[in-house]
Amino acid sequence: MTAKIRITSPHVAEAAPGLWSNCLQVGDSLYLSGLTSRANDGNTIDGADEYEQSRVIFTKIKHLVEAAGGHIDDVVTLTVFVTRMSGNQGVWRARREFFSGDFPACALVEVTSLAKPEILVEIQGQARLGASSAKPR
């Protein structure tokens, strides 16, 4: 049996113990919790729109995947939650800045609200280490 390992990065604040893990590794699979653009202080939201918030989130995903020894192109699936479907172009614009080649499989879901009114985007995903031919950046 393969043990699960909590993956952390000094660039991504962890939730208080007993709440959730941002990233768990089981074998060569990574499971990423829903991430927002909440700053490391736990209160401030970085980014005024979907594009800016998505850039912050994709940067967090990149840091976590790299902390596990992978590359962002190892991400195979994403679920994107938005509070305004009209902002999805900002999410896609940011995604194009982080991924290349075959993009992750993706679902886009509009929700009524997220953890705070100013949070417009939350993204969760899964990665398979070694899935891309790219080397860590």
N, C-alpha and C. Protein backbone atom coordinates (compact mmCIF):
# COMPACT_ATOMS: atom_id res chain seq x y z
N MET A 1 0.85 -1.18 0.00
CA MET A 1 0.00 0.00 0.00
C MET A 1 0.89 1.24 0.00
N THR A 2 0.48 2.24 -0.76
CA THR A 2 1.22 3.50 -0.85
C THR A 2 0.68 4.49 0.17
N ALA A 3 1.57 5.07 0.93
CA ALA A 3 1.17 6.04 1.95
C ALA A 3 0.88 7.40 1.30
N LYS A 4 0.00 8.17 1.92
CA LYS A 4 -0.21 9.53 1.46
C LYS A 4 0.76 10.44 2.18
N ILE A 5 1.26 11.41 1.44
CA ILE A 5 2.26 12.36 1.95
C ILE A 5 1.71 13.76 1.74
N ARG A 6 1.78 14.56 2.77
CA ARG A 6 1.36 15.95 2.65
C ARG A 6 2.48 16.75 2.01
N ILE A 7 2.16 17.45 0.93
CA ILE A 7 3.13 18.27 0.20
C ILE A 7 2.88 19.72 0.58
N THR A 8 3.93 20.41 0.96
CA THR A 8 3.81 21.82 1.32
C THR A 8 4.85 22.63 0.55
N SER A 9 4.60 23.91 0.48
CA SER A 9 5.53 24.86 -0.14
C SER A 9 5.58 26.10 0.74
N PRO A 10 6.75 26.68 0.92
CA PRO A 10 6.83 27.92 1.70
C PRO A 10 6.09 29.08 1.03
N HIS A 11 5.71 28.90 -0.24
CA HIS A 11 5.02 29.95 -1.00
C HIS A 11 3.50 29.84 -0.90
N VAL A 12 3.01 28.78 -0.25
CA VAL A 12 1.56 28.54 -0.18
C VAL A 12 1.19 28.28 1.28
N ALA A 13 0.40 29.17 1.85
CA ALA A 13 0.00 29.02 3.26
C ALA A 13 -0.86 27.78 3.42
N GLU A 14 -0.60 27.05 4.48
CA GLU A 14 -1.40 25.86 4.82
C GLU A 14 -2.53 26.25 5.75
N ALA A 15 -3.61 25.51 5.66
CA ALA A 15 -4.73 25.72 6.59
C ALA A 15 -4.31 25.25 7.98
N ALA A 16 -5.02 25.69 8.99
CA ALA A 16 -4.74 25.24 10.36
C ALA A 16 -4.89 23.72 10.43
N PRO A 17 -4.13 23.07 11.32
CA PRO A 17 -4.24 21.62 11.46
C PRO A 17 -5.68 21.19 11.72
N GLY A 18 -6.05 20.08 11.12
CA GLY A 18 -7.39 19.55 11.33
C GLY A 18 -8.43 20.07 10.35
N LEU A 19 -8.05 20.98 9.44
CA LEU A 19 -9.01 21.49 8.47
C LEU A 19 -8.89 20.77 7.13
N TRP A 20 -7.77 20.94 6.43
CA TRP A 20 -7.52 20.24 5.17
C TRP A 20 -6.05 20.37 4.83
N SER A 21 -5.63 19.63 3.83
CA SER A 21 -4.28 19.74 3.28
C SER A 21 -4.41 20.36 1.89
N ASN A 22 -3.51 21.25 1.55
CA ASN A 22 -3.54 21.84 0.21
C ASN A 22 -3.20 20.82 -0.86
N CYS A 23 -2.28 19.90 -0.53
CA CYS A 23 -1.81 18.95 -1.54
C CYS A 23 -1.41 17.65 -0.86
N LEU A 24 -1.93 16.55 -1.37
CA LEU A 24 -1.54 15.22 -0.89
C LEU A 24 -0.99 14.43 -2.06
N GLN A 25 0.06 13.67 -1.78
CA GLN A 25 0.65 12.79 -2.79
C GLN A 25 0.40 11.35 -2.39
N VAL A 26 -0.07 10.55 -3.33
CA VAL A 26 -0.21 9.11 -3.15
C VAL A 26 0.44 8.49 -4.37
N GLY A 27 1.58 7.85 -4.16
CA GLY A 27 2.33 7.35 -5.31
C GLY A 27 2.77 8.50 -6.17
N ASP A 28 2.47 8.41 -7.47
CA ASP A 28 2.84 9.51 -8.37
C ASP A 28 1.66 10.43 -8.66
N SER A 29 0.60 10.32 -7.87
CA SER A 29 -0.58 11.17 -8.03
C SER A 29 -0.61 12.27 -6.97
N LEU A 30 -0.97 13.47 -7.39
CA LEU A 30 -1.15 14.61 -6.48
C LEU A 30 -2.61 15.02 -6.50
N TYR A 31 -3.13 15.33 -5.33
CA TYR A 31 -4.51 15.79 -5.18
C TYR A 31 -4.45 17.18 -4.56
N LEU A 32 -4.91 18.17 -5.31
CA LEU A 32 -4.84 19.57 -4.88
C LEU A 32 -6.22 20.04 -4.43
N SER A 33 -6.28 20.55 -3.20
CA SER A 33 -7.53 21.11 -2.69
C SER A 33 -7.93 22.33 -3.49
N GLY A 34 -9.16 22.76 -3.32
CA GLY A 34 -9.59 24.00 -3.93
C GLY A 34 -8.75 25.14 -3.38
N LEU A 35 -8.05 25.82 -4.27
CA LEU A 35 -7.18 26.93 -3.88
C LEU A 35 -7.80 28.24 -4.34
N THR A 36 -7.63 29.27 -3.53
CA THR A 36 -8.09 30.61 -3.86
C THR A 36 -6.90 31.55 -3.87
N SER A 37 -7.16 32.80 -4.12
CA SER A 37 -6.07 33.80 -4.15
C SER A 37 -5.87 34.45 -2.79
N ARG A 38 -6.35 33.78 -1.74
CA ARG A 38 -6.13 34.29 -0.39
C ARG A 38 -4.62 34.35 -0.14
N ALA A 39 -4.15 35.48 0.34
CA ALA A 39 -2.73 35.69 0.59
C ALA A 39 -2.29 34.86 1.81
N ASN A 40 -0.99 34.76 1.97
CA ASN A 40 -0.46 33.97 3.09
C ASN A 40 -0.83 34.50 4.46
N ASP A 41 -1.29 35.76 4.53
CA ASP A 41 -1.73 36.29 5.83
C ASP A 41 -3.09 35.72 6.24
N GLY A 42 -3.74 35.00 5.30
CA GLY A 42 -5.01 34.36 5.62
C GLY A 42 -6.24 35.24 5.45
N ASN A 43 -6.04 36.52 5.23
CA ASN A 43 -7.16 37.44 5.13
C ASN A 43 -7.27 38.16 3.80
N THR A 44 -6.16 38.70 3.33
CA THR A 44 -6.14 39.49 2.11
C THR A 44 -6.41 38.60 0.89
N ILE A 45 -7.18 39.12 -0.05
CA ILE A 45 -7.41 38.43 -1.31
C ILE A 45 -6.59 39.14 -2.37
N ASP A 46 -5.68 38.40 -3.01
CA ASP A 46 -4.84 38.97 -4.06
C ASP A 46 -5.57 38.88 -5.39
N GLY A 47 -5.71 40.01 -6.05
CA GLY A 47 -6.34 40.04 -7.37
C GLY A 47 -7.74 40.61 -7.32
N ALA A 48 -8.00 41.56 -8.21
CA ALA A 48 -9.29 42.25 -8.23
C ALA A 48 -10.29 41.63 -9.19
N ASP A 49 -9.81 40.74 -10.10
CA ASP A 49 -10.73 40.13 -11.05
C ASP A 49 -10.35 38.67 -11.27
N GLU A 50 -11.09 37.99 -12.13
CA GLU A 50 -10.87 36.56 -12.36
C GLU A 50 -9.48 36.27 -12.93
N TYR A 51 -9.01 37.12 -13.81
CA TYR A 51 -7.69 36.92 -14.38
C TYR A 51 -6.61 36.99 -13.30
N GLU A 52 -6.60 38.06 -12.53
CA GLU A 52 -5.57 38.24 -11.51
C GLU A 52 -5.65 37.14 -10.45
N GLN A 53 -6.86 36.81 -10.00
CA GLN A 53 -7.00 35.75 -8.99
C GLN A 53 -6.55 34.40 -9.55
N SER A 54 -6.88 34.12 -10.80
CA SER A 54 -6.47 32.85 -11.41
C SER A 54 -4.95 32.77 -11.52
N ARG A 55 -4.29 33.86 -11.84
CA ARG A 55 -2.81 33.86 -11.90
C ARG A 55 -2.22 33.49 -10.55
N VAL A 56 -2.78 34.05 -9.47
CA VAL A 56 -2.31 33.72 -8.13
C VAL A 56 -2.51 32.23 -7.85
N ILE A 57 -3.66 31.72 -8.20
CA ILE A 57 -3.97 30.31 -7.94
C ILE A 57 -3.08 29.40 -8.77
N PHE A 58 -2.91 29.68 -10.04
CA PHE A 58 -2.04 28.83 -10.86
C PHE A 58 -0.60 28.88 -10.37
N THR A 59 -0.17 30.01 -9.83
CA THR A 59 1.16 30.09 -9.24
C THR A 59 1.25 29.17 -8.02
N LYS A 60 0.22 29.13 -7.20
CA LYS A 60 0.19 28.22 -6.05
C LYS A 60 0.24 26.77 -6.51
N ILE A 61 -0.55 26.44 -7.53
CA ILE A 61 -0.53 25.08 -8.05
C ILE A 61 0.86 24.72 -8.54
N LYS A 62 1.49 25.62 -9.25
CA LYS A 62 2.85 25.40 -9.75
C LYS A 62 3.81 25.13 -8.60
N HIS A 63 3.75 25.94 -7.55
CA HIS A 63 4.63 25.76 -6.40
C HIS A 63 4.41 24.39 -5.73
N LEU A 64 3.17 24.00 -5.57
CA LEU A 64 2.88 22.73 -4.91
C LEU A 64 3.33 21.53 -5.76
N VAL A 65 3.07 21.58 -7.05
CA VAL A 65 3.50 20.48 -7.92
C VAL A 65 5.03 20.41 -7.94
N GLU A 66 5.69 21.54 -8.01
CA GLU A 66 7.15 21.54 -8.00
C GLU A 66 7.70 21.07 -6.66
N ALA A 67 7.02 21.37 -5.56
CA ALA A 67 7.46 20.90 -4.24
C ALA A 67 7.43 19.37 -4.17
N ALA A 68 6.57 18.76 -4.99
CA ALA A 68 6.49 17.29 -5.05
C ALA A 68 7.47 16.71 -6.07
N GLY A 69 8.24 17.59 -6.73
CA GLY A 69 9.21 17.13 -7.72
C GLY A 69 8.67 17.10 -9.14
N GLY A 70 7.52 17.71 -9.36
CA GLY A 70 6.90 17.67 -10.68
C GLY A 70 6.99 18.98 -11.42
N HIS A 71 6.22 19.06 -12.47
CA HIS A 71 6.14 20.21 -13.36
C HIS A 71 4.68 20.56 -13.54
N ILE A 72 4.37 21.82 -13.72
CA ILE A 72 2.95 22.21 -13.83
C ILE A 72 2.25 21.46 -14.96
N ASP A 73 2.97 21.07 -16.00
CA ASP A 73 2.33 20.32 -17.08
C ASP A 73 2.01 18.87 -16.68
N ASP A 74 2.35 18.49 -15.45
CA ASP A 74 1.92 17.19 -14.91
C ASP A 74 0.47 17.25 -14.44
N VAL A 75 -0.12 18.46 -14.35
CA VAL A 75 -1.52 18.59 -13.94
C VAL A 75 -2.39 18.00 -15.04
N VAL A 76 -3.28 17.07 -14.66
CA VAL A 76 -4.10 16.38 -15.66
C VAL A 76 -5.56 16.80 -15.63
N THR A 77 -6.03 17.32 -14.50
CA THR A 77 -7.42 17.75 -14.44
C THR A 77 -7.59 18.91 -13.48
N LEU A 78 -8.51 19.81 -13.83
CA LEU A 78 -8.83 20.97 -13.00
C LEU A 78 -10.34 21.11 -12.91
N THR A 79 -10.81 21.55 -11.76
CA THR A 79 -12.20 21.98 -11.61
C THR A 79 -12.14 23.43 -11.18
N VAL A 80 -12.74 24.30 -11.97
CA VAL A 80 -12.71 25.74 -11.73
C VAL A 80 -14.10 26.18 -11.29
N PHE A 81 -14.14 26.83 -10.14
CA PHE A 81 -15.39 27.38 -9.62
C PHE A 81 -15.31 28.90 -9.76
N VAL A 82 -16.32 29.49 -10.39
CA VAL A 82 -16.38 30.94 -10.55
C VAL A 82 -17.72 31.45 -10.03
N THR A 83 -17.71 32.67 -9.54
CA THR A 83 -18.97 33.26 -9.08
C THR A 83 -19.68 34.03 -10.18
N ARG A 84 -18.96 34.27 -11.29
CA ARG A 84 -19.56 34.94 -12.46
C ARG A 84 -19.06 34.24 -13.71
N MET A 85 -19.95 33.54 -14.38
CA MET A 85 -19.55 32.83 -15.60
C MET A 85 -18.97 33.80 -16.62
N SER A 86 -19.40 35.04 -16.58
CA SER A 86 -18.90 36.04 -17.53
C SER A 86 -17.40 36.30 -17.35
N GLY A 87 -16.82 35.90 -16.22
CA GLY A 87 -15.40 36.10 -15.98
C GLY A 87 -14.52 34.96 -16.43
N ASN A 88 -15.11 33.95 -17.09
CA ASN A 88 -14.32 32.78 -17.45
C ASN A 88 -13.18 33.08 -18.42
N GLN A 89 -13.31 34.10 -19.24
CA GLN A 89 -12.23 34.43 -20.17
C GLN A 89 -10.96 34.84 -19.43
N GLY A 90 -11.11 35.48 -18.28
CA GLY A 90 -9.95 35.81 -17.47
C GLY A 90 -9.25 34.57 -16.94
N VAL A 91 -10.04 33.57 -16.56
CA VAL A 91 -9.47 32.30 -16.09
C VAL A 91 -8.68 31.64 -17.22
N TRP A 92 -9.28 31.58 -18.40
CA TRP A 92 -8.62 30.92 -19.53
C TRP A 92 -7.37 31.68 -19.95
N ARG A 93 -7.43 33.00 -19.89
CA ARG A 93 -6.25 33.80 -20.23
C ARG A 93 -5.09 33.46 -19.29
N ALA A 94 -5.37 33.40 -17.99
CA ALA A 94 -4.33 33.06 -17.02
C ALA A 94 -3.84 31.63 -17.24
N ARG A 95 -4.75 30.71 -17.52
CA ARG A 95 -4.36 29.30 -17.71
C ARG A 95 -3.37 29.17 -18.86
N ARG A 96 -3.59 29.93 -19.94
CA ARG A 96 -2.68 29.87 -21.10
C ARG A 96 -1.27 30.34 -20.74
N GLU A 97 -1.13 31.13 -19.69
CA GLU A 97 0.20 31.60 -19.28
C GLU A 97 0.96 30.55 -18.48
N PHE A 98 0.28 29.50 -18.02
CA PHE A 98 0.92 28.50 -17.18
C PHE A 98 1.05 27.13 -17.84
N PHE A 99 0.14 26.80 -18.75
CA PHE A 99 0.14 25.47 -19.35
C PHE A 99 0.48 25.56 -20.82
N SER A 100 1.06 24.48 -21.34
CA SER A 100 1.38 24.39 -22.76
C SER A 100 1.08 22.97 -23.22
N GLY A 101 1.11 22.77 -24.52
CA GLY A 101 0.84 21.44 -25.06
C GLY A 101 -0.60 21.05 -24.79
N ASP A 102 -0.79 19.83 -24.34
CA ASP A 102 -2.13 19.35 -24.00
C ASP A 102 -2.52 19.93 -22.64
N PHE A 103 -3.53 20.78 -22.66
CA PHE A 103 -4.00 21.40 -21.42
C PHE A 103 -4.70 20.36 -20.55
N PRO A 104 -4.79 20.60 -19.24
CA PRO A 104 -5.50 19.66 -18.37
C PRO A 104 -6.98 19.54 -18.78
N ALA A 105 -7.54 18.37 -18.53
CA ALA A 105 -8.99 18.23 -18.64
C ALA A 105 -9.58 19.20 -17.62
N CYS A 106 -10.75 19.76 -17.92
CA CYS A 106 -11.23 20.84 -17.07
C CYS A 106 -12.75 20.89 -17.02
N ALA A 107 -13.26 21.23 -15.85
CA ALA A 107 -14.68 21.53 -15.68
C ALA A 107 -14.77 22.96 -15.14
N LEU A 108 -15.77 23.69 -15.60
CA LEU A 108 -16.03 25.05 -15.14
C LEU A 108 -17.42 25.07 -14.53
N VAL A 109 -17.50 25.51 -13.27
CA VAL A 109 -18.76 25.49 -12.54
C VAL A 109 -19.02 26.88 -11.97
N GLU A 110 -20.20 27.41 -12.24
CA GLU A 110 -20.59 28.68 -11.61
C GLU A 110 -21.27 28.37 -10.29
N VAL A 111 -20.84 29.09 -9.24
CA VAL A 111 -21.41 28.92 -7.91
C VAL A 111 -21.95 30.26 -7.42
N THR A 112 -22.83 30.22 -6.47
CA THR A 112 -23.42 31.44 -5.93
C THR A 112 -22.40 32.27 -5.18
N SER A 113 -21.55 31.60 -4.39
CA SER A 113 -20.53 32.32 -3.64
C SER A 113 -19.42 31.36 -3.25
N LEU A 114 -18.29 31.95 -2.85
CA LEU A 114 -17.16 31.19 -2.32
C LEU A 114 -16.92 31.68 -0.89
N ALA A 115 -15.78 31.37 -0.30
CA ALA A 115 -15.55 31.61 1.14
C ALA A 115 -15.71 33.06 1.58
N LYS A 116 -15.39 34.01 0.71
CA LYS A 116 -15.54 35.44 0.99
C LYS A 116 -16.10 36.09 -0.25
N PRO A 117 -16.86 37.17 -0.10
CA PRO A 117 -17.46 37.81 -1.28
C PRO A 117 -16.46 38.25 -2.34
N GLU A 118 -15.26 38.62 -1.93
CA GLU A 118 -14.27 39.09 -2.91
C GLU A 118 -13.53 37.96 -3.62
N ILE A 119 -13.73 36.72 -3.19
CA ILE A 119 -13.13 35.57 -3.88
C ILE A 119 -14.03 35.23 -5.07
N LEU A 120 -13.46 35.34 -6.26
CA LEU A 120 -14.21 35.13 -7.49
C LEU A 120 -13.92 33.78 -8.14
N VAL A 121 -12.79 33.15 -7.76
CA VAL A 121 -12.34 31.92 -8.40
C VAL A 121 -11.76 30.98 -7.35
N GLU A 122 -12.05 29.70 -7.49
CA GLU A 122 -11.41 28.64 -6.71
C GLU A 122 -11.11 27.51 -7.67
N ILE A 123 -9.91 26.93 -7.57
CA ILE A 123 -9.50 25.88 -8.51
C ILE A 123 -8.92 24.71 -7.73
N GLN A 124 -9.41 23.52 -8.04
CA GLN A 124 -8.84 22.30 -7.49
C GLN A 124 -8.35 21.45 -8.64
N GLY A 125 -7.47 20.50 -8.36
CA GLY A 125 -6.95 19.70 -9.46
C GLY A 125 -6.26 18.43 -9.02
N GLN A 126 -5.82 17.70 -10.02
CA GLN A 126 -5.04 16.49 -9.81
C GLN A 126 -3.88 16.50 -10.80
N ALA A 127 -2.77 15.95 -10.36
CA ALA A 127 -1.59 15.85 -11.22
C ALA A 127 -1.03 14.44 -11.13
N ARG A 128 -0.34 14.05 -12.16
CA ARG A 128 0.35 12.76 -12.19
C ARG A 128 1.81 13.07 -12.46
N LEU A 129 2.65 12.90 -11.44
CA LEU A 129 4.07 13.23 -11.57
C LEU A 129 4.68 12.44 -12.71
N GLY A 130 5.41 13.14 -13.57
CA GLY A 130 6.04 12.53 -14.70
C GLY A 130 5.16 12.44 -15.94
N ALA A 131 3.94 12.97 -15.86
CA ALA A 131 3.01 12.88 -16.99
C ALA A 131 3.46 13.74 -18.16
N SER A 132 4.20 14.80 -17.89
CA SER A 132 4.68 15.65 -18.98
C SER A 132 6.12 15.30 -19.27
N SER A 133 6.56 15.70 -20.42
CA SER A 133 7.98 15.47 -20.77
C SER A 133 8.83 16.64 -20.32
N ALA A 134 8.18 17.64 -19.71
CA ALA A 134 8.91 18.84 -19.28
C ALA A 134 9.66 18.58 -17.99
N LYS A 135 10.68 19.36 -17.76
CA LYS A 135 11.45 19.29 -16.53
C LYS A 135 11.00 20.41 -15.61
N PRO A 136 11.12 20.24 -14.28
CA PRO A 136 10.73 21.32 -13.36
C PRO A 136 11.41 22.63 -13.73
N ARG A 137 10.63 23.73 -13.63
CA ARG A 137 11.18 25.06 -13.94
C ARG A 137 11.79 25.66 -12.71
